[in-house]
Amino acid sequence: MPKLFKTYKPILSNSQKKNLYREYELGIAEGFIPGPKLSFDNYFKNSDLFDMIEMKCLDCHFELNLSYEHFSMDVLHNEAAFPLDFCPECGKLQFVPKDVFKKLIPFNVLK
């Protein structure tokens, strides 16, 4: 299935990367994250954990950038064509990727 939306990787400062890697190391040590432990460079090079997605509400037009990790399993296993969530602003189940918003809103599909 073709991807209907884009993700992006935010630019992290060295300080942010060090803090995130420390959290990762702690998760490995406490058994919350399965090993083996990756090196600092490989953790950031190979990880999709930091992918972000631009979301927008079809109803109230609220926008927010979220971690794609929250939605990735549903999309990966073809349970959903694109992320869908409740809007944090209006509470309606119409929070979609901004790319999908641009395709749907001219048709007022959910109004």
PDB file of N, CA and C in Angstrom:
ATOM      1  N   MET A   1       0.845  -1.175   0.000  1.00  0.00           N
ATOM      2  CA  MET A   1       0.000   0.000   0.000  1.00  0.00           C
ATOM      3  C   MET A   1       0.892   1.241   0.000  1.00  0.00           C
ATOM      4  N   PRO A   2       0.630   2.189  -0.873  1.00  0.00           N
ATOM      5  CA  PRO A   2       1.450   3.411  -0.888  1.00  0.00           C
ATOM      6  C   PRO A   2       1.210   4.229   0.374  1.00  0.00           C
ATOM      7  N   LYS A   3       2.248   4.883   0.798  1.00  0.00           N
ATOM      8  CA  LYS A   3       2.163   5.713   1.994  1.00  0.00           C
ATOM      9  C   LYS A   3       1.441   7.013   1.657  1.00  0.00           C
ATOM     10  N   LEU A   4       0.417   7.341   2.447  1.00  0.00           N
ATOM     11  CA  LEU A   4      -0.418   8.514   2.192  1.00  0.00           C
ATOM     12  C   LEU A   4       0.037   9.755   2.963  1.00  0.00           C
ATOM     13  N   PHE A   5       1.128   9.630   3.693  1.00  0.00           N
ATOM     14  CA  PHE A   5       1.580  10.729   4.545  1.00  0.00           C
ATOM     15  C   PHE A   5       3.095  10.659   4.704  1.00  0.00           C
ATOM     16  N   LYS A   6       3.678  11.767   5.170  1.00  0.00           N
ATOM     17  CA  LYS A   6       5.124  11.851   5.357  1.00  0.00           C
ATOM     18  C   LYS A   6       5.455  11.915   6.847  1.00  0.00           C
ATOM     19  N   THR A   7       6.635  11.415   7.174  1.00  0.00           N
ATOM     20  CA  THR A   7       7.198  11.594   8.507  1.00  0.00           C
ATOM     21  C   THR A   7       8.510  12.366   8.337  1.00  0.00           C
ATOM     22  N   TYR A   8       9.017  12.892   9.431  1.00  0.00           N
ATOM     23  CA  TYR A   8      10.297  13.592   9.378  1.00  0.00           C
ATOM     24  C   TYR A   8      11.072  13.336  10.653  1.00  0.00           C
ATOM     25  N   LYS A   9      12.373  13.519  10.587  1.00  0.00           N
ATOM     26  CA  LYS A   9      13.234  13.384  11.754  1.00  0.00           C
ATOM     27  C   LYS A   9      13.605  14.780  12.248  1.00  0.00           C
ATOM     28  N   PRO A  10      13.310  15.072  13.509  1.00  0.00           N
ATOM     29  CA  PRO A  10      13.680  16.386  14.041  1.00  0.00           C
ATOM     30  C   PRO A  10      15.190  16.487  14.210  1.00  0.00           C
ATOM     31  N   ILE A  11      15.693  17.684  14.181  1.00  0.00           N
ATOM     32  CA  ILE A  11      17.117  17.914  14.416  1.00  0.00           C
ATOM     33  C   ILE A  11      17.318  18.038  15.922  1.00  0.00           C
ATOM     34  N   LEU A  12      18.120  17.139  16.478  1.00  0.00           N
ATOM     35  CA  LEU A  12      18.367  17.115  17.913  1.00  0.00           C
ATOM     36  C   LEU A  12      19.743  17.691  18.221  1.00  0.00           C
ATOM     37  N   SER A  13      19.828  18.450  19.290  1.00  0.00           N
ATOM     38  CA  SER A  13      21.130  18.970  19.732  1.00  0.00           C
ATOM     39  C   SER A  13      21.921  17.826  20.362  1.00  0.00           C
ATOM     40  N   ASN A  14      23.232  18.035  20.525  1.00  0.00           N
ATOM     41  CA  ASN A  14      24.065  17.018  21.174  1.00  0.00           C
ATOM     42  C   ASN A  14      23.597  16.749  22.595  1.00  0.00           C
ATOM     43  N   SER A  15      23.185  17.786  23.288  1.00  0.00           N
ATOM     44  CA  SER A  15      22.681  17.636  24.652  1.00  0.00           C
ATOM     45  C   SER A  15      21.414  16.782  24.679  1.00  0.00           C
ATOM     46  N   GLN A  16      20.497  17.024  23.760  1.00  0.00           N
ATOM     47  CA  GLN A  16      19.277  16.221  23.678  1.00  0.00           C
ATOM     48  C   GLN A  16      19.605  14.764  23.370  1.00  0.00           C
ATOM     49  N   LYS A  17      20.533  14.556  22.444  1.00  0.00           N
ATOM     50  CA  LYS A  17      20.923  13.186  22.096  1.00  0.00           C
ATOM     51  C   LYS A  17      21.531  12.471  23.297  1.00  0.00           C
ATOM     52  N   LYS A  18      22.397  13.152  24.043  1.00  0.00           N
ATOM     53  CA  LYS A  18      23.020  12.539  25.221  1.00  0.00           C
ATOM     54  C   LYS A  18      21.966  12.161  26.259  1.00  0.00           C
ATOM     55  N   ASN A  19      20.999  13.041  26.488  1.00  0.00           N
ATOM     56  CA  ASN A  19      19.939  12.743  27.453  1.00  0.00           C
ATOM     57  C   ASN A  19      19.085  11.568  27.004  1.00  0.00           C
ATOM     58  N   LEU A  20      18.736  11.537  25.728  1.00  0.00           N
ATOM     59  CA  LEU A  20      17.945  10.427  25.203  1.00  0.00           C
ATOM     60  C   LEU A  20      18.714   9.107  25.281  1.00  0.00           C
ATOM     61  N   TYR A  21      20.018   9.158  25.008  1.00  0.00           N
ATOM     62  CA  TYR A  21      20.823   7.935  25.062  1.00  0.00           C
ATOM     63  C   TYR A  21      20.956   7.443  26.506  1.00  0.00           C
ATOM     64  N   ARG A  22      21.074   8.376  27.458  1.00  0.00           N
ATOM     65  CA  ARG A  22      21.120   7.981  28.872  1.00  0.00           C
ATOM     66  C   ARG A  22      19.825   7.281  29.276  1.00  0.00           C
ATOM     67  N   GLU A  23      18.691   7.798  28.822  1.00  0.00           N
ATOM     68  CA  GLU A  23      17.404   7.154  29.107  1.00  0.00           C
ATOM     69  C   GLU A  23      17.348   5.756  28.485  1.00  0.00           C
ATOM     70  N   TYR A  24      17.870   5.641  27.272  1.00  0.00           N
ATOM     71  CA  TYR A  24      17.926   4.345  26.588  1.00  0.00           C
ATOM     72  C   TYR A  24      18.790   3.363  27.384  1.00  0.00           C
ATOM     73  N   GLU A  25      19.966   3.806  27.822  1.00  0.00           N
ATOM     74  CA  GLU A  25      20.858   2.941  28.612  1.00  0.00           C
ATOM     75  C   GLU A  25      20.179   2.492  29.904  1.00  0.00           C
ATOM     76  N   LEU A  26      19.478   3.404  30.551  1.00  0.00           N
ATOM     77  CA  LEU A  26      18.769   3.069  31.782  1.00  0.00           C
ATOM     78  C   LEU A  26      17.672   2.045  31.506  1.00  0.00           C
ATOM     79  N   GLY A  27      16.958   2.212  30.402  1.00  0.00           N
ATOM     80  CA  GLY A  27      15.924   1.253  30.018  1.00  0.00           C
ATOM     81  C   GLY A  27      16.488  -0.135  29.759  1.00  0.00           C
ATOM     82  N   ILE A  28      17.654  -0.202  29.141  1.00  0.00           N
ATOM     83  CA  ILE A  28      18.341  -1.485  28.907  1.00  0.00           C
ATOM     84  C   ILE A  28      18.726  -2.101  30.244  1.00  0.00           C
ATOM     85  N   ALA A  29      19.353  -1.297  31.113  1.00  0.00           N
ATOM     86  CA  ALA A  29      19.837  -1.793  32.411  1.00  0.00           C
ATOM     87  C   ALA A  29      18.694  -2.308  33.283  1.00  0.00           C
ATOM     88  N   GLU A  30      17.536  -1.646  33.219  1.00  0.00           N
ATOM     89  CA  GLU A  30      16.400  -2.039  34.060  1.00  0.00           C
ATOM     90  C   GLU A  30      15.507  -3.085  33.399  1.00  0.00           C
ATOM     91  N   GLY A  31      15.822  -3.463  32.158  1.00  0.00           N
ATOM     92  CA  GLY A  31      15.083  -4.512  31.479  1.00  0.00           C
ATOM     93  C   GLY A  31      13.800  -4.056  30.789  1.00  0.00           C
ATOM     94  N   PHE A  32      13.562  -2.747  30.717  1.00  0.00           N
ATOM     95  CA  PHE A  32      12.371  -2.236  30.034  1.00  0.00           C
ATOM     96  C   PHE A  32      12.533  -2.258  28.521  1.00  0.00           C
ATOM     97  N   ILE A  33      13.772  -2.183  28.070  1.00  0.00           N
ATOM     98  CA  ILE A  33      14.088  -2.188  26.645  1.00  0.00           C
ATOM     99  C   ILE A  33      14.931  -3.420  26.368  1.00  0.00           C
ATOM    100  N   PRO A  34      14.540  -4.233  25.386  1.00  0.00           N
ATOM    101  CA  PRO A  34      15.330  -5.433  25.083  1.00  0.00           C
ATOM    102  C   PRO A  34      16.679  -5.067  24.471  1.00  0.00           C
ATOM    103  N   GLY A  35      17.688  -5.861  24.754  1.00  0.00           N
ATOM    104  CA  GLY A  35      19.029  -5.639  24.225  1.00  0.00           C
ATOM    105  C   GLY A  35      19.235  -6.428  22.957  1.00  0.00           C
ATOM    106  N   PRO A  36      20.425  -6.477  22.454  1.00  0.00           N
ATOM    107  CA  PRO A  36      21.640  -5.907  23.026  1.00  0.00           C
ATOM    108  C   PRO A  36      21.687  -4.387  22.837  1.00  0.00           C
ATOM    109  N   LYS A  37      22.486  -3.776  23.687  1.00  0.00           N
ATOM    110  CA  LYS A  37      22.600  -2.322  23.663  1.00  0.00           C
ATOM    111  C   LYS A  37      23.324  -1.861  22.405  1.00  0.00           C
ATOM    112  N   LEU A  38      22.767  -0.824  21.767  1.00  0.00           N
ATOM    113  CA  LEU A  38      23.388  -0.219  20.584  1.00  0.00           C
ATOM    114  C   LEU A  38      24.388   0.850  21.010  1.00  0.00           C
ATOM    115  N   SER A  39      25.372   1.084  20.170  1.00  0.00           N
ATOM    116  CA  SER A  39      26.301   2.188  20.421  1.00  0.00           C
ATOM    117  C   SER A  39      25.545   3.508  20.246  1.00  0.00           C
ATOM    118  N   PHE A  40      26.108   4.576  20.753  1.00  0.00           N
ATOM    119  CA  PHE A  40      25.498   5.900  20.652  1.00  0.00           C
ATOM    120  C   PHE A  40      25.175   6.233  19.202  1.00  0.00           C
ATOM    121  N   ASP A  41      26.159   6.075  18.316  1.00  0.00           N
ATOM    122  CA  ASP A  41      25.961   6.408  16.902  1.00  0.00           C
ATOM    123  C   ASP A  41      24.898   5.538  16.246  1.00  0.00           C
ATOM    124  N   ASN A  42      24.931   4.234  16.494  1.00  0.00           N
ATOM    125  CA  ASN A  42      23.948   3.328  15.889  1.00  0.00           C
ATOM    126  C   ASN A  42      22.543   3.556  16.417  1.00  0.00           C
ATOM    127  N   TYR A  43      22.440   3.952  17.675  1.00  0.00           N
ATOM    128  CA  TYR A  43      21.120   4.221  18.252  1.00  0.00           C
ATOM    129  C   TYR A  43      20.406   5.325  17.487  1.00  0.00           C
ATOM    130  N   PHE A  44      21.119   6.368  17.148  1.00  0.00           N
ATOM    131  CA  PHE A  44      20.488   7.481  16.444  1.00  0.00           C
ATOM    132  C   PHE A  44      20.449   7.274  14.929  1.00  0.00           C
ATOM    133  N   LYS A  45      21.381   6.518  14.406  1.00  0.00           N
ATOM    134  CA  LYS A  45      21.413   6.295  12.962  1.00  0.00           C
ATOM    135  C   LYS A  45      20.302   5.346  12.516  1.00  0.00           C
ATOM    136  N   ASN A  46      20.059   4.304  13.269  1.00  0.00           N
ATOM    137  CA  ASN A  46      19.147   3.251  12.834  1.00  0.00           C
ATOM    138  C   ASN A  46      17.768   3.309  13.461  1.00  0.00           C
ATOM    139  N   SER A  47      17.539   4.237  14.341  1.00  0.00           N
ATOM    140  CA  SER A  47      16.288   4.240  15.073  1.00  0.00           C
ATOM    141  C   SER A  47      15.200   5.057  14.370  1.00  0.00           C
ATOM    142  N   ASP A  48      14.019   4.467  14.294  1.00  0.00           N
ATOM    143  CA  ASP A  48      12.849   5.185  13.792  1.00  0.00           C
ATOM    144  C   ASP A  48      12.049   5.786  14.948  1.00  0.00           C
ATOM    145  N   LEU A  49      12.575   5.641  16.165  1.00  0.00           N
ATOM    146  CA  LEU A  49      11.873   6.143  17.345  1.00  0.00           C
ATOM    147  C   LEU A  49      11.660   7.646  17.308  1.00  0.00           C
ATOM    148  N   PHE A  50      12.484   8.327  16.549  1.00  0.00           N
ATOM    149  CA  PHE A  50      12.444   9.785  16.561  1.00  0.00           C
ATOM    150  C   PHE A  50      11.683  10.367  15.380  1.00  0.00           C
ATOM    151  N   ASP A  51      11.055   9.506  14.579  1.00  0.00           N
ATOM    152  CA  ASP A  51      10.253  10.009  13.465  1.00  0.00           C
ATOM    153  C   ASP A  51       9.050  10.767  14.014  1.00  0.00           C
ATOM    154  N   MET A  52       8.758  11.888  13.398  1.00  0.00           N
ATOM    155  CA  MET A  52       7.634  12.725  13.806  1.00  0.00           C
ATOM    156  C   MET A  52       6.645  12.827  12.648  1.00  0.00           C
ATOM    157  N   ILE A  53       5.418  13.169  12.975  1.00  0.00           N
ATOM    158  CA  ILE A  53       4.379  13.332  11.967  1.00  0.00           C
ATOM    159  C   ILE A  53       3.568  14.591  12.293  1.00  0.00           C
ATOM    160  N   GLU A  54       3.272  15.355  11.252  1.00  0.00           N
ATOM    161  CA  GLU A  54       2.446  16.554  11.407  1.00  0.00           C
ATOM    162  C   GLU A  54       0.982  16.127  11.342  1.00  0.00           C
ATOM    163  N   MET A  55       0.228  16.430  12.390  1.00  0.00           N
ATOM    164  CA  MET A  55      -1.180  16.053  12.455  1.00  0.00           C
ATOM    165  C   MET A  55      -2.048  17.308  12.447  1.00  0.00           C
ATOM    166  N   LYS A  56      -3.272  17.179  11.894  1.00  0.00           N
ATOM    167  CA  LYS A  56      -4.202  18.299  11.838  1.00  0.00           C
ATOM    168  C   LYS A  56      -5.631  17.764  11.949  1.00  0.00           C
ATOM    169  N   CYS A  57      -6.462  18.485  12.692  1.00  0.00           N
ATOM    170  CA  CYS A  57      -7.849  18.076  12.900  1.00  0.00           C
ATOM    171  C   CYS A  57      -8.714  18.504  11.719  1.00  0.00           C
ATOM    172  N   LEU A  58      -9.484  17.562  11.219  1.00  0.00           N
ATOM    173  CA  LEU A  58     -10.399  17.844  10.113  1.00  0.00           C
ATOM    174  C   LEU A  58     -11.552  18.751  10.544  1.00  0.00           C
ATOM    175  N   ASP A  59     -11.838  18.798  11.834  1.00  0.00           N
ATOM    176  CA  ASP A  59     -12.955  19.606  12.313  1.00  0.00           C
ATOM    177  C   ASP A  59     -12.521  21.013  12.740  1.00  0.00           C
ATOM    178  N   CYS A  60     -11.629  21.097  13.737  1.00  0.00           N
ATOM    179  CA  CYS A  60     -11.269  22.414  14.283  1.00  0.00           C
ATOM    180  C   CYS A  60      -9.962  22.972  13.715  1.00  0.00           C
ATOM    181  N   HIS A  61      -9.248  22.186  12.934  1.00  0.00           N
ATOM    182  CA  HIS A  61      -8.006  22.572  12.247  1.00  0.00           C
ATOM    183  C   HIS A  61      -6.827  22.762  13.200  1.00  0.00           C
ATOM    184  N   PHE A  62      -6.920  22.218  14.410  1.00  0.00           N
ATOM    185  CA  PHE A  62      -5.800  22.252  15.359  1.00  0.00           C
ATOM    186  C   PHE A  62      -4.645  21.435  14.783  1.00  0.00           C
ATOM    187  N   GLU A  63      -3.410  21.922  14.964  1.00  0.00           N
ATOM    188  CA  GLU A  63      -2.223  21.236  14.451  1.00  0.00           C
ATOM    189  C   GLU A  63      -1.263  20.897  15.581  1.00  0.00           C
ATOM    190  N   LEU A  64      -0.597  19.750  15.454  1.00  0.00           N
ATOM    191  CA  LEU A  64       0.385  19.330  16.449  1.00  0.00           C
ATOM    192  C   LEU A  64       1.315  18.306  15.809  1.00  0.00           C
ATOM    193  N   ASN A  65       2.591  18.380  16.125  1.00  0.00           N
ATOM    194  CA  ASN A  65       3.560  17.386  15.680  1.00  0.00           C
ATOM    195  C   ASN A  65       3.692  16.336  16.771  1.00  0.00           C
ATOM    196  N   LEU A  66       3.556  15.069  16.387  1.00  0.00           N
ATOM    197  CA  LEU A  66       3.598  13.964  17.343  1.00  0.00           C
ATOM    198  C   LEU A  66       4.624  12.937  16.920  1.00  0.00           C
ATOM    199  N   SER A  67       5.029  12.106  17.868  1.00  0.00           N
ATOM    200  CA  SER A  67       5.916  10.992  17.565  1.00  0.00           C
ATOM    201  C   SER A  67       5.148   9.963  16.735  1.00  0.00           C
ATOM    202  N   TYR A  68       5.743   9.531  15.647  1.00  0.00           N
ATOM    203  CA  TYR A  68       5.103   8.545  14.780  1.00  0.00           C
ATOM    204  C   TYR A  68       5.053   7.169  15.449  1.00  0.00           C
ATOM    205  N   GLU A  69       5.900   6.955  16.431  1.00  0.00           N
ATOM    206  CA  GLU A  69       5.966   5.655  17.109  1.00  0.00           C
ATOM    207  C   GLU A  69       4.587   5.232  17.642  1.00  0.00           C
ATOM    208  N   HIS A  70       3.805   6.189  18.097  1.00  0.00           N
ATOM    209  CA  HIS A  70       2.472   5.926  18.652  1.00  0.00           C
ATOM    210  C   HIS A  70       1.551   5.246  17.622  1.00  0.00           C
ATOM    211  N   PHE A  71       1.746   5.533  16.350  1.00  0.00           N
ATOM    212  CA  PHE A  71       0.859   5.040  15.292  1.00  0.00           C
ATOM    213  C   PHE A  71       1.482   3.956  14.412  1.00  0.00           C
ATOM    214  N   SER A  72       2.775   3.779  14.493  1.00  0.00           N
ATOM    215  CA  SER A  72       3.507   2.981  13.505  1.00  0.00           C
ATOM    216  C   SER A  72       3.047   1.531  13.393  1.00  0.00           C
ATOM    217  N   MET A  73       2.707   0.886  14.494  1.00  0.00           N
ATOM    218  CA  MET A  73       2.338  -0.530  14.424  1.00  0.00           C
ATOM    219  C   MET A  73       1.030  -0.735  13.649  1.00  0.00           C
ATOM    220  N   ASP A  74       0.042   0.130  13.856  1.00  0.00           N
ATOM    221  CA  ASP A  74      -1.222   0.004  13.125  1.00  0.00           C
ATOM    222  C   ASP A  74      -1.008   0.170  11.625  1.00  0.00           C
ATOM    223  N   VAL A  75      -0.179   1.124  11.257  1.00  0.00           N
ATOM    224  CA  VAL A  75       0.083   1.377   9.840  1.00  0.00           C
ATOM    225  C   VAL A  75       0.947   0.262   9.255  1.00  0.00           C
ATOM    226  N   LEU A  76       1.953  -0.165  10.012  1.00  0.00           N
ATOM    227  CA  LEU A  76       2.857  -1.212   9.549  1.00  0.00           C
ATOM    228  C   LEU A  76       2.113  -2.520   9.268  1.00  0.00           C
ATOM    229  N   HIS A  77       1.163  -2.849  10.109  1.00  0.00           N
ATOM    230  CA  HIS A  77       0.420  -4.100   9.952  1.00  0.00           C
ATOM    231  C   HIS A  77      -0.862  -3.936   9.127  1.00  0.00           C
ATOM    232  N   ASN A  78      -0.937  -2.838   8.383  1.00  0.00           N
ATOM    233  CA  ASN A  78      -2.070  -2.550   7.491  1.00  0.00           C
ATOM    234  C   ASN A  78      -3.415  -2.537   8.207  1.00  0.00           C
ATOM    235  N   GLU A  79      -3.403  -2.210   9.505  1.00  0.00           N
ATOM    236  CA  GLU A  79      -4.658  -2.063  10.236  1.00  0.00           C
ATOM    237  C   GLU A  79      -5.256  -0.675   9.999  1.00  0.00           C
ATOM    238  N   ALA A  80      -4.425   0.237   9.502  1.00  0.00           N
ATOM    239  CA  ALA A  80      -4.880   1.596   9.196  1.00  0.00           C
ATOM    240  C   ALA A  80      -4.065   2.118   8.024  1.00  0.00           C
ATOM    241  N   ALA A  81      -4.722   2.833   7.128  1.00  0.00           N
ATOM    242  CA  ALA A  81      -4.022   3.405   5.978  1.00  0.00           C
ATOM    243  C   ALA A  81      -3.195   4.622   6.388  1.00  0.00           C
ATOM    244  N   PHE A  82      -3.624   5.263   7.466  1.00  0.00           N
ATOM    245  CA  PHE A  82      -2.909   6.421   7.991  1.00  0.00           C
ATOM    246  C   PHE A  82      -3.284   6.580   9.462  1.00  0.00           C
ATOM    247  N   PRO A  83      -2.464   7.291  10.232  1.00  0.00           N
ATOM    248  CA  PRO A  83      -2.790   7.518  11.641  1.00  0.00           C
ATOM    249  C   PRO A  83      -4.101   8.282  11.796  1.00  0.00           C
ATOM    250  N   LEU A  84      -4.855   7.905  12.796  1.00  0.00           N
ATOM    251  CA  LEU A  84      -6.105   8.573  13.136  1.00  0.00           C
ATOM    252  C   LEU A  84      -6.196   8.607  14.654  1.00  0.00           C
ATOM    253  N   ASP A  85      -6.513   9.765  15.213  1.00  0.00           N
ATOM    254  CA  ASP A  85      -6.547   9.900  16.662  1.00  0.00           C
ATOM    255  C   ASP A  85      -7.597  10.929  17.057  1.00  0.00           C
ATOM    256  N   PHE A  86      -7.845  11.014  18.359  1.00  0.00           N
ATOM    257  CA  PHE A  86      -8.731  12.042  18.887  1.00  0.00           C
ATOM    258  C   PHE A  86      -7.969  13.352  18.951  1.00  0.00           C
ATOM    259  N   CYS A  87      -8.593  14.422  18.522  1.00  0.00           N
ATOM    260  CA  CYS A  87      -7.966  15.743  18.543  1.00  0.00           C
ATOM    261  C   CYS A  87      -7.814  16.202  19.996  1.00  0.00           C
ATOM    262  N   PRO A  88      -6.614  16.619  20.399  1.00  0.00           N
ATOM    263  CA  PRO A  88      -6.428  17.097  21.763  1.00  0.00           C
ATOM    264  C   PRO A  88      -7.152  18.423  22.035  1.00  0.00           C
ATOM    265  N   GLU A  89      -7.556  19.116  20.991  1.00  0.00           N
ATOM    266  CA  GLU A  89      -8.225  20.413  21.148  1.00  0.00           C
ATOM    267  C   GLU A  89      -9.748  20.253  21.257  1.00  0.00           C
ATOM    268  N   CYS A  90     -10.370  19.560  20.297  1.00  0.00           N
ATOM    269  CA  CYS A  90     -11.844  19.460  20.279  1.00  0.00           C
ATOM    270  C   CYS A  90     -12.362  18.095  20.718  1.00  0.00           C
ATOM    271  N   GLY A  91     -11.472  17.096  20.807  1.00  0.00           N
ATOM    272  CA  GLY A  91     -11.865  15.777  21.289  1.00  0.00           C
ATOM    273  C   GLY A  91     -12.508  14.866  20.264  1.00  0.00           C
ATOM    274  N   LYS A  92     -12.606  15.305  19.022  1.00  0.00           N
ATOM    275  CA  LYS A  92     -13.243  14.486  17.991  1.00  0.00           C
ATOM    276  C   LYS A  92     -12.218  13.556  17.332  1.00  0.00           C
ATOM    277  N   LEU A  93     -12.676  12.409  16.898  1.00  0.00           N
ATOM    278  CA  LEU A  93     -11.824  11.425  16.226  1.00  0.00           C
ATOM    279  C   LEU A  93     -11.620  11.844  14.775  1.00  0.00           C
ATOM    280  N   GLN A  94     -10.910  12.968  14.611  1.00  0.00           N
ATOM    281  CA  GLN A  94     -10.671  13.515  13.278  1.00  0.00           C
ATOM    282  C   GLN A  94      -9.266  14.094  13.162  1.00  0.00           C
ATOM    283  N   PHE A  95      -8.347  13.598  13.983  1.00  0.00           N
ATOM    284  CA  PHE A  95      -6.967  14.062  13.973  1.00  0.00           C
ATOM    285  C   PHE A  95      -6.173  13.162  13.034  1.00  0.00           C
ATOM    286  N   VAL A  96      -5.764  13.697  11.886  1.00  0.00           N
ATOM    287  CA  VAL A  96      -5.122  12.920  10.821  1.00  0.00           C
ATOM    288  C   VAL A  96      -3.812  13.594  10.404  1.00  0.00           C
ATOM    289  N   PRO A  97      -2.954  12.869   9.670  1.00  0.00           N
ATOM    290  CA  PRO A  97      -1.747  13.520   9.153  1.00  0.00           C
ATOM    291  C   PRO A  97      -2.114  14.721   8.274  1.00  0.00           C
ATOM    292  N   LYS A  98      -1.290  15.738   8.328  1.00  0.00           N
ATOM    293  CA  LYS A  98      -1.558  16.957   7.571  1.00  0.00           C
ATOM    294  C   LYS A  98      -1.661  16.669   6.068  1.00  0.00           C
ATOM    295  N   ASP A  99      -0.886  15.719   5.574  1.00  0.00           N
ATOM    296  CA  ASP A  99      -0.967  15.336   4.153  1.00  0.00           C
ATOM    297  C   ASP A  99      -2.358  14.793   3.816  1.00  0.00           C
ATOM    298  N   VAL A 100      -2.911  13.993   4.691  1.00  0.00           N
ATOM    299  CA  VAL A 100      -4.249  13.434   4.494  1.00  0.00           C
ATOM    300  C   VAL A 100      -5.284  14.550   4.607  1.00  0.00           C
ATOM    301  N   PHE A 101      -5.094  15.435   5.572  1.00  0.00           N
ATOM    302  CA  PHE A 101      -5.983  16.596   5.735  1.00  0.00           C
ATOM    303  C   PHE A 101      -6.102  17.362   4.422  1.00  0.00           C
ATOM    304  N   LYS A 102      -4.965  17.639   3.788  1.00  0.00           N
ATOM    305  CA  LYS A 102      -4.964  18.418   2.540  1.00  0.00           C
ATOM    306  C   LYS A 102      -5.719  17.708   1.423  1.00  0.00           C
ATOM    307  N   LYS A 103      -5.731  16.374   1.454  1.00  0.00           N
ATOM    308  CA  LYS A 103      -6.449  15.613   0.428  1.00  0.00           C
ATOM    309  C   LYS A 103      -7.943  15.534   0.721  1.00  0.00           C
ATOM    310  N   LEU A 104      -8.322  15.493   1.987  1.00  0.00           N
ATOM    311  CA  LEU A 104      -9.724  15.290   2.352  1.00  0.00           C
ATOM    312  C   LEU A 104     -10.523  16.571   2.530  1.00  0.00           C
ATOM    313  N   ILE A 105      -9.923  17.611   3.069  1.00  0.00           N
ATOM    314  CA  ILE A 105     -10.687  18.806   3.448  1.00  0.00           C
ATOM    315  C   ILE A 105     -11.364  19.513   2.260  1.00  0.00           C
ATOM    316  N   PRO A 106     -10.802  19.515   1.059  1.00  0.00           N
ATOM    317  CA  PRO A 106     -11.533  20.180  -0.045  1.00  0.00           C
ATOM    318  C   PRO A 106     -12.887  19.524  -0.328  1.00  0.00           C
ATOM    319  N   PHE A 107     -13.025  18.253   0.064  1.00  0.00           N
ATOM    320  CA  PHE A 107     -14.270  17.533  -0.191  1.00  0.00           C
ATOM    321  C   PHE A 107     -15.227  17.573   0.986  1.00  0.00           C
ATOM    322  N   ASN A 108     -14.777  18.170   2.105  1.00  0.00           N
ATOM    323  CA  ASN A 108     -15.585  18.211   3.333  1.00  0.00           C
ATOM    324  C   ASN A 108     -16.170  16.850   3.657  1.00  0.00           C
ATOM    325  N   VAL A 109     -15.329  15.820   3.626  1.00  0.00           N
ATOM    326  CA  VAL A 109     -15.786  14.451   3.752  1.00  0.00           C
ATOM    327  C   VAL A 109     -16.416  14.129   5.108  1.00  0.00           C
ATOM    328  N   LEU A 110     -15.989  14.785   6.151  1.00  0.00           N
ATOM    329  CA  LEU A 110     -16.504  14.434   7.471  1.00  0.00           C
ATOM    330  C   LEU A 110     -17.401  15.513   8.060  1.00  0.00           C
ATOM    331  N   LYS A 111     -17.854  16.444   7.289  1.00  0.00           N
ATOM    332  CA  LYS A 111     -18.721  17.528   7.799  1.00  0.00           C
ATOM    333  C   LYS A 111     -20.165  17.227   7.473  1.00  0.00           C
TER     334      LYS A 111
END
